[in-house]
Amino acid sequence: MEIVPGIDTLLDGMQIPSSRNEGTMAGTAEQPGQGADVTYVVNRRGKHVHHGRTVAAWTGSTIALVAFILGAIAVVFKMWPLFWVSVGLAAVALIVTVVLQRMGYGAN
């Protein structure tokens, strides 16, 4: 009994890789000793790219997220003083991020 009718004819022309690296693109197979769970991205100049995984980025993003959520709530409920407080909080997020980067908590 076939679970899916006609699946045998569909799969006849497909090649299923038999080894672990057979189905990978050329040059992308994992080398022995490399950890697949940790990837360090390097740009064209050979510098390490953090993609924002720093204390400065997380702190600034969290403050900005709170500011934008408060701003959205303020606009929906027409609470204009709260809206302007959220605009100020967004500016504080930018300042905090820059200060933390200058203190060495950001990407190099």
Protein backbone atom coordinates (compact mmCIF):
# COMPACT_ATOMS: atom_id res chain seq x y z
CA MET A 1 0.00 0.00 0.00
CA GLU A 2 1.47 3.35 -1.03
CA ILE A 3 1.05 6.25 1.35
CA VAL A 4 1.44 8.79 -1.45
CA PRO A 5 0.23 7.56 -4.84
CA GLY A 6 2.87 7.88 -7.57
CA ILE A 7 5.74 8.69 -5.19
CA ASP A 8 7.88 5.86 -6.58
CA THR A 9 7.82 7.32 -10.09
CA LEU A 10 8.61 10.77 -8.71
CA LEU A 11 11.61 9.55 -6.71
CA ASP A 12 13.07 7.34 -9.48
CA GLY A 13 14.99 10.20 -11.12
CA MET A 14 16.26 11.76 -7.89
CA GLN A 15 19.77 11.13 -6.62
CA ILE A 16 20.03 10.96 -2.86
CA PRO A 17 23.54 11.62 -1.49
CA SER A 18 25.00 8.55 0.19
CA SER A 19 27.85 10.23 2.08
CA ARG A 20 27.73 13.26 4.37
CA ASN A 21 29.63 15.58 2.02
CA GLU A 22 28.38 14.30 -1.32
CA GLY A 23 25.47 16.73 -1.53
CA THR A 24 27.39 19.87 -0.57
CA MET A 25 28.61 22.55 -2.93
CA ALA A 26 32.27 22.57 -3.91
CA GLY A 27 34.44 24.09 -1.22
CA THR A 28 31.71 24.23 1.42
CA ALA A 29 32.27 20.87 3.09
CA GLU A 30 33.17 21.08 6.75
CA GLN A 31 36.86 20.49 7.35
CA PRO A 32 38.01 18.23 10.19
CA GLY A 33 38.50 20.20 13.38
CA GLN A 34 36.08 22.97 12.46
CA GLY A 35 33.15 23.49 14.78
CA ALA A 36 29.85 23.68 12.95
CA ASP A 37 28.11 25.23 15.95
CA VAL A 38 30.28 28.39 16.07
CA THR A 39 30.66 30.53 12.99
CA TYR A 40 32.78 33.66 12.83
CA VAL A 41 31.88 35.89 9.91
CA VAL A 42 34.80 37.66 8.27
CA ASN A 43 34.31 40.46 5.76
CA ARG A 44 36.46 41.14 2.67
CA ARG A 45 39.17 42.95 4.61
CA GLY A 46 39.59 40.06 7.04
CA LYS A 47 38.00 41.83 10.00
CA HIS A 48 35.65 39.99 12.34
CA VAL A 49 32.02 41.08 11.88
CA HIS A 50 29.95 41.11 15.08
CA HIS A 51 26.48 41.73 13.61
CA GLY A 52 25.61 43.70 16.72
CA ARG A 53 26.44 41.06 19.31
CA THR A 54 27.88 43.60 21.74
CA VAL A 55 26.78 45.16 25.01
CA ALA A 56 26.45 48.56 23.33
CA ALA A 57 24.21 47.21 20.57
CA TRP A 58 21.98 45.20 22.89
CA THR A 59 21.59 48.05 25.37
CA GLY A 60 20.79 50.63 22.70
CA SER A 61 18.42 48.29 20.91
CA THR A 62 16.55 47.42 24.09
CA ILE A 63 16.11 51.07 25.08
CA ALA A 64 15.01 51.93 21.53
CA LEU A 65 12.53 49.03 21.51
CA VAL A 66 10.95 50.27 24.73
CA ALA A 67 10.84 53.80 23.29
CA PHE A 68 9.10 52.68 20.10
CA ILE A 69 6.58 50.53 21.98
CA LEU A 70 5.74 53.42 24.31
CA GLY A 71 5.49 55.74 21.31
CA ALA A 72 3.10 53.39 19.54
CA ILE A 73 0.91 53.08 22.63
CA ALA A 74 0.95 56.85 23.04
CA VAL A 75 -0.16 57.44 19.44
CA VAL A 76 -2.95 54.86 19.63
CA PHE A 77 -4.36 56.31 22.85
CA LYS A 78 -3.55 59.92 21.91
CA MET A 79 -1.31 60.48 24.93
CA TRP A 80 0.95 63.15 23.43
CA PRO A 81 3.14 63.82 26.49
CA LEU A 82 4.02 60.10 26.57
CA PHE A 83 4.75 60.26 22.84
CA TRP A 84 7.31 63.04 23.34
CA VAL A 85 8.84 61.15 26.27
CA SER A 86 9.29 58.15 23.96
CA VAL A 87 10.94 60.38 21.33
CA GLY A 88 13.35 61.57 24.02
CA LEU A 89 13.95 57.98 25.10
CA ALA A 90 14.84 57.05 21.51
CA ALA A 91 17.41 59.85 21.50
CA VAL A 92 18.76 58.54 24.82
CA ALA A 93 19.12 55.09 23.23
CA LEU A 94 21.29 56.56 20.48
CA ILE A 95 23.43 58.47 22.97
CA VAL A 96 23.84 55.45 25.27
CA THR A 97 24.90 53.28 22.32
CA VAL A 98 27.54 55.76 21.18
CA VAL A 99 28.88 56.25 24.72
CA LEU A 100 29.14 52.50 25.31
CA GLN A 101 30.93 52.06 21.97
CA ARG A 102 33.44 54.74 22.94
CA MET A 103 33.94 53.02 26.31
CA GLY A 104 34.94 49.84 24.47
CA TYR A 105 31.72 47.84 24.78
CA GLY A 106 31.00 47.96 21.04
CA ALA A 107 32.52 46.39 17.97
CA ASN A 108 36.05 47.45 17.09
